[in-house]
Amino acid sequence: MKPLNYAILKYFTKINEACADDVINALKGEYGNFKALKKKAVITALMTAEANGLIEETRFELDKNGELRVYYRAHEDGAATINKYIKD
């Protein structure tokens, strides 16, 4: 099993875009018991990955509760870097 942050990054190499809620839903089967698989921690991981140039923001919207939902994607160079260092 990969560390959670690695799994989050690898997830972005397999989808077009996702927000923190999408990441949590996709990984909860394998990582559901991890304390870091909470929205605040996942948002922090996504923002860190963006700051490091691995993913980029694609769009944002308000959910039905009025909370901001930010979507990200792994651009070509980011996906190549992720795949170079994190193997399946």
N, C-alpha and C. Protein backbone atom coordinates (compact mmCIF):
# COMPACT_ATOMS: atom_id res chain seq x y z
N MET A 1 0.85 -1.18 0.00
CA MET A 1 0.00 0.00 0.00
C MET A 1 0.90 1.24 0.00
N LYS A 2 0.58 2.16 -0.88
CA LYS A 2 1.33 3.42 -0.98
C LYS A 2 0.95 4.35 0.17
N PRO A 3 1.83 5.28 0.52
CA PRO A 3 1.43 6.34 1.45
C PRO A 3 0.24 7.11 0.85
N LEU A 4 -0.61 7.63 1.69
CA LEU A 4 -1.82 8.30 1.23
C LEU A 4 -1.51 9.43 0.25
N ASN A 5 -0.53 10.27 0.55
CA ASN A 5 -0.23 11.38 -0.36
C ASN A 5 0.20 10.88 -1.73
N TYR A 6 0.91 9.76 -1.80
CA TYR A 6 1.29 9.17 -3.08
C TYR A 6 0.03 8.70 -3.81
N ALA A 7 -0.88 8.06 -3.09
CA ALA A 7 -2.11 7.57 -3.71
C ALA A 7 -2.94 8.74 -4.26
N ILE A 8 -2.96 9.85 -3.54
CA ILE A 8 -3.68 11.03 -4.02
C ILE A 8 -3.07 11.51 -5.33
N LEU A 9 -1.75 11.63 -5.37
CA LEU A 9 -1.08 12.07 -6.59
C LEU A 9 -1.32 11.11 -7.75
N LYS A 10 -1.19 9.81 -7.51
CA LYS A 10 -1.41 8.82 -8.56
C LYS A 10 -2.84 8.88 -9.08
N TYR A 11 -3.79 9.15 -8.22
CA TYR A 11 -5.19 9.27 -8.63
C TYR A 11 -5.33 10.33 -9.72
N PHE A 12 -4.61 11.41 -9.60
CA PHE A 12 -4.72 12.49 -10.58
C PHE A 12 -4.11 12.13 -11.93
N THR A 13 -3.32 11.07 -11.99
CA THR A 13 -2.77 10.63 -13.28
C THR A 13 -3.77 9.74 -14.02
N LYS A 14 -4.87 9.39 -13.37
CA LYS A 14 -5.83 8.45 -13.95
C LYS A 14 -7.19 9.07 -14.25
N ILE A 15 -7.37 10.35 -13.93
CA ILE A 15 -8.66 11.03 -14.13
C ILE A 15 -8.42 12.38 -14.81
N ASN A 16 -9.51 12.96 -15.32
CA ASN A 16 -9.41 14.27 -15.96
C ASN A 16 -9.28 15.39 -14.95
N GLU A 17 -10.13 15.39 -13.94
CA GLU A 17 -10.10 16.39 -12.88
C GLU A 17 -10.86 15.86 -11.69
N ALA A 18 -10.57 16.44 -10.53
CA ALA A 18 -11.24 16.02 -9.30
C ALA A 18 -11.10 17.10 -8.24
N CYS A 19 -12.04 17.07 -7.30
CA CYS A 19 -11.97 17.94 -6.13
C CYS A 19 -11.67 17.07 -4.91
N ALA A 20 -11.52 17.67 -3.76
CA ALA A 20 -11.19 16.93 -2.54
C ALA A 20 -12.23 15.85 -2.24
N ASP A 21 -13.51 16.17 -2.43
CA ASP A 21 -14.56 15.17 -2.18
C ASP A 21 -14.42 13.97 -3.11
N ASP A 22 -14.07 14.21 -4.37
CA ASP A 22 -13.86 13.12 -5.33
C ASP A 22 -12.70 12.24 -4.89
N VAL A 23 -11.62 12.86 -4.43
CA VAL A 23 -10.45 12.11 -3.97
C VAL A 23 -10.83 11.23 -2.79
N ILE A 24 -11.54 11.79 -1.83
CA ILE A 24 -11.95 11.03 -0.64
C ILE A 24 -12.82 9.85 -1.05
N ASN A 25 -13.79 10.08 -1.91
CA ASN A 25 -14.67 8.99 -2.35
C ASN A 25 -13.92 7.91 -3.10
N ALA A 26 -12.95 8.31 -3.92
CA ALA A 26 -12.19 7.33 -4.70
C ALA A 26 -11.26 6.49 -3.84
N LEU A 27 -10.72 7.07 -2.78
CA LEU A 27 -9.72 6.38 -1.97
C LEU A 27 -10.25 5.78 -0.67
N LYS A 28 -11.51 6.03 -0.34
CA LYS A 28 -12.00 5.58 0.96
C LYS A 28 -12.05 4.06 1.10
N GLY A 29 -12.16 3.34 0.00
CA GLY A 29 -12.15 1.88 0.09
C GLY A 29 -10.86 1.34 0.66
N GLU A 30 -9.74 1.86 0.20
CA GLU A 30 -8.43 1.38 0.64
C GLU A 30 -7.87 2.19 1.81
N TYR A 31 -8.20 3.48 1.88
CA TYR A 31 -7.60 4.36 2.88
C TYR A 31 -8.62 4.93 3.87
N GLY A 32 -9.80 4.37 3.92
CA GLY A 32 -10.88 4.91 4.75
C GLY A 32 -10.57 5.01 6.22
N ASN A 33 -9.65 4.19 6.72
CA ASN A 33 -9.32 4.24 8.15
C ASN A 33 -8.16 5.20 8.46
N PHE A 34 -7.63 5.86 7.44
CA PHE A 34 -6.55 6.82 7.66
C PHE A 34 -7.12 8.14 8.19
N LYS A 35 -6.50 8.67 9.24
CA LYS A 35 -6.95 9.94 9.81
C LYS A 35 -6.79 11.08 8.82
N ALA A 36 -5.83 10.98 7.92
CA ALA A 36 -5.56 12.06 6.96
C ALA A 36 -6.53 12.06 5.79
N LEU A 37 -7.41 11.08 5.69
CA LEU A 37 -8.39 11.08 4.61
C LEU A 37 -9.64 11.85 5.05
N LYS A 38 -9.41 13.04 5.49
CA LYS A 38 -10.47 13.99 5.87
C LYS A 38 -10.35 15.18 4.93
N LYS A 39 -11.44 15.88 4.74
CA LYS A 39 -11.48 16.94 3.74
C LYS A 39 -10.39 17.98 3.94
N LYS A 40 -10.21 18.46 5.14
CA LYS A 40 -9.22 19.50 5.39
C LYS A 40 -7.81 19.02 5.04
N ALA A 41 -7.47 17.80 5.41
CA ALA A 41 -6.15 17.26 5.13
C ALA A 41 -5.95 17.01 3.64
N VAL A 42 -6.99 16.56 2.95
CA VAL A 42 -6.90 16.32 1.52
C VAL A 42 -6.75 17.65 0.78
N ILE A 43 -7.48 18.66 1.19
CA ILE A 43 -7.34 19.99 0.58
C ILE A 43 -5.90 20.50 0.76
N THR A 44 -5.33 20.30 1.93
CA THR A 44 -3.95 20.70 2.17
C THR A 44 -3.00 19.95 1.25
N ALA A 45 -3.22 18.65 1.07
CA ALA A 45 -2.38 17.86 0.17
C ALA A 45 -2.50 18.34 -1.26
N LEU A 46 -3.71 18.69 -1.68
CA LEU A 46 -3.91 19.18 -3.05
C LEU A 46 -3.25 20.53 -3.26
N MET A 47 -3.37 21.40 -2.28
CA MET A 47 -2.74 22.71 -2.39
C MET A 47 -1.22 22.59 -2.40
N THR A 48 -0.68 21.65 -1.66
CA THR A 48 0.76 21.42 -1.65
C THR A 48 1.22 20.89 -3.01
N ALA A 49 0.46 19.95 -3.56
CA ALA A 49 0.80 19.41 -4.88
C ALA A 49 0.73 20.50 -5.94
N GLU A 50 -0.23 21.40 -5.82
CA GLU A 50 -0.32 22.51 -6.76
C GLU A 50 0.88 23.46 -6.60
N ALA A 51 1.23 23.77 -5.37
CA ALA A 51 2.37 24.66 -5.11
C ALA A 51 3.67 24.06 -5.63
N ASN A 52 3.75 22.74 -5.65
CA ASN A 52 4.94 22.05 -6.14
C ASN A 52 4.89 21.80 -7.65
N GLY A 53 3.83 22.27 -8.32
CA GLY A 53 3.74 22.17 -9.76
C GLY A 53 3.32 20.83 -10.31
N LEU A 54 2.77 19.96 -9.47
CA LEU A 54 2.37 18.63 -9.94
C LEU A 54 0.95 18.60 -10.48
N ILE A 55 0.08 19.43 -9.93
CA ILE A 55 -1.30 19.54 -10.42
C ILE A 55 -1.62 21.02 -10.57
N GLU A 56 -2.72 21.30 -11.26
CA GLU A 56 -3.15 22.68 -11.44
C GLU A 56 -4.66 22.78 -11.25
N GLU A 57 -5.08 23.95 -10.81
CA GLU A 57 -6.51 24.23 -10.62
C GLU A 57 -7.16 24.34 -11.99
N THR A 58 -8.33 23.71 -12.14
CA THR A 58 -9.04 23.78 -13.42
C THR A 58 -10.30 24.63 -13.33
N ARG A 59 -11.00 24.55 -12.21
CA ARG A 59 -12.23 25.33 -12.04
C ARG A 59 -12.65 25.27 -10.58
N PHE A 60 -13.67 26.05 -10.26
CA PHE A 60 -14.23 26.01 -8.91
C PHE A 60 -15.72 26.28 -9.00
N GLU A 61 -16.43 25.83 -7.96
CA GLU A 61 -17.88 26.03 -7.89
C GLU A 61 -18.31 25.94 -6.43
N LEU A 62 -19.52 26.35 -6.17
CA LEU A 62 -20.09 26.18 -4.84
C LEU A 62 -20.93 24.91 -4.84
N ASP A 63 -20.79 24.11 -3.78
CA ASP A 63 -21.63 22.92 -3.69
C ASP A 63 -23.00 23.29 -3.14
N LYS A 64 -23.84 22.30 -2.93
CA LYS A 64 -25.22 22.58 -2.49
C LYS A 64 -25.28 23.21 -1.10
N ASN A 65 -24.20 23.10 -0.33
CA ASN A 65 -24.14 23.70 1.00
C ASN A 65 -23.46 25.07 0.98
N GLY A 66 -23.11 25.54 -0.19
CA GLY A 66 -22.46 26.83 -0.31
C GLY A 66 -20.96 26.81 -0.02
N GLU A 67 -20.36 25.61 0.04
CA GLU A 67 -18.92 25.49 0.27
C GLU A 67 -18.19 25.49 -1.07
N LEU A 68 -17.04 26.14 -1.09
CA LEU A 68 -16.23 26.20 -2.30
C LEU A 68 -15.65 24.83 -2.59
N ARG A 69 -15.78 24.41 -3.83
CA ARG A 69 -15.23 23.15 -4.30
C ARG A 69 -14.25 23.49 -5.43
N VAL A 70 -12.97 23.21 -5.22
CA VAL A 70 -11.92 23.51 -6.20
C VAL A 70 -11.53 22.20 -6.90
N TYR A 71 -11.47 22.26 -8.22
CA TYR A 71 -11.11 21.09 -9.02
C TYR A 71 -9.67 21.26 -9.54
N TYR A 72 -8.96 20.14 -9.59
CA TYR A 72 -7.58 20.12 -10.04
C TYR A 72 -7.41 19.02 -11.09
N ARG A 73 -6.32 19.13 -11.83
CA ARG A 73 -5.92 18.08 -12.77
C ARG A 73 -4.40 18.01 -12.79
N ALA A 74 -3.89 16.86 -13.18
CA ALA A 74 -2.45 16.72 -13.38
C ALA A 74 -2.17 17.07 -14.84
N HIS A 75 -1.43 18.16 -15.07
CA HIS A 75 -1.05 18.51 -16.44
C HIS A 75 0.00 17.52 -16.92
N GLU A 76 0.35 17.59 -18.19
CA GLU A 76 1.25 16.60 -18.79
C GLU A 76 2.57 16.45 -18.04
N ASP A 77 3.23 17.55 -17.75
CA ASP A 77 4.51 17.48 -17.04
C ASP A 77 4.33 16.97 -15.61
N GLY A 78 3.27 17.41 -14.95
CA GLY A 78 3.01 16.96 -13.59
C GLY A 78 2.75 15.46 -13.54
N ALA A 79 1.93 14.97 -14.47
CA ALA A 79 1.63 13.53 -14.52
C ALA A 79 2.90 12.73 -14.81
N ALA A 80 3.75 13.24 -15.71
CA ALA A 80 5.01 12.55 -16.02
C ALA A 80 5.90 12.48 -14.79
N THR A 81 5.98 13.55 -14.04
CA THR A 81 6.80 13.57 -12.82
C THR A 81 6.24 12.61 -11.78
N ILE A 82 4.94 12.65 -11.58
CA ILE A 82 4.30 11.74 -10.62
C ILE A 82 4.59 10.29 -11.01
N ASN A 83 4.37 9.96 -12.28
CA ASN A 83 4.58 8.58 -12.74
C ASN A 83 6.04 8.15 -12.71
N LYS A 84 6.94 9.11 -12.85
CA LYS A 84 8.37 8.79 -12.78
C LYS A 84 8.78 8.35 -11.37
N TYR A 85 8.24 9.01 -10.36
CA TYR A 85 8.66 8.76 -8.99
C TYR A 85 7.73 7.84 -8.20
N ILE A 86 6.50 7.71 -8.64
CA ILE A 86 5.55 6.84 -7.92
C ILE A 86 5.05 5.79 -8.89
N LYS A 87 5.50 4.58 -8.72
CA LYS A 87 5.14 3.46 -9.61
C LYS A 87 3.84 2.82 -9.13
N ASP A 88 3.14 2.20 -10.07
CA ASP A 88 1.90 1.48 -9.73
C ASP A 88 2.18 0.21 -8.98
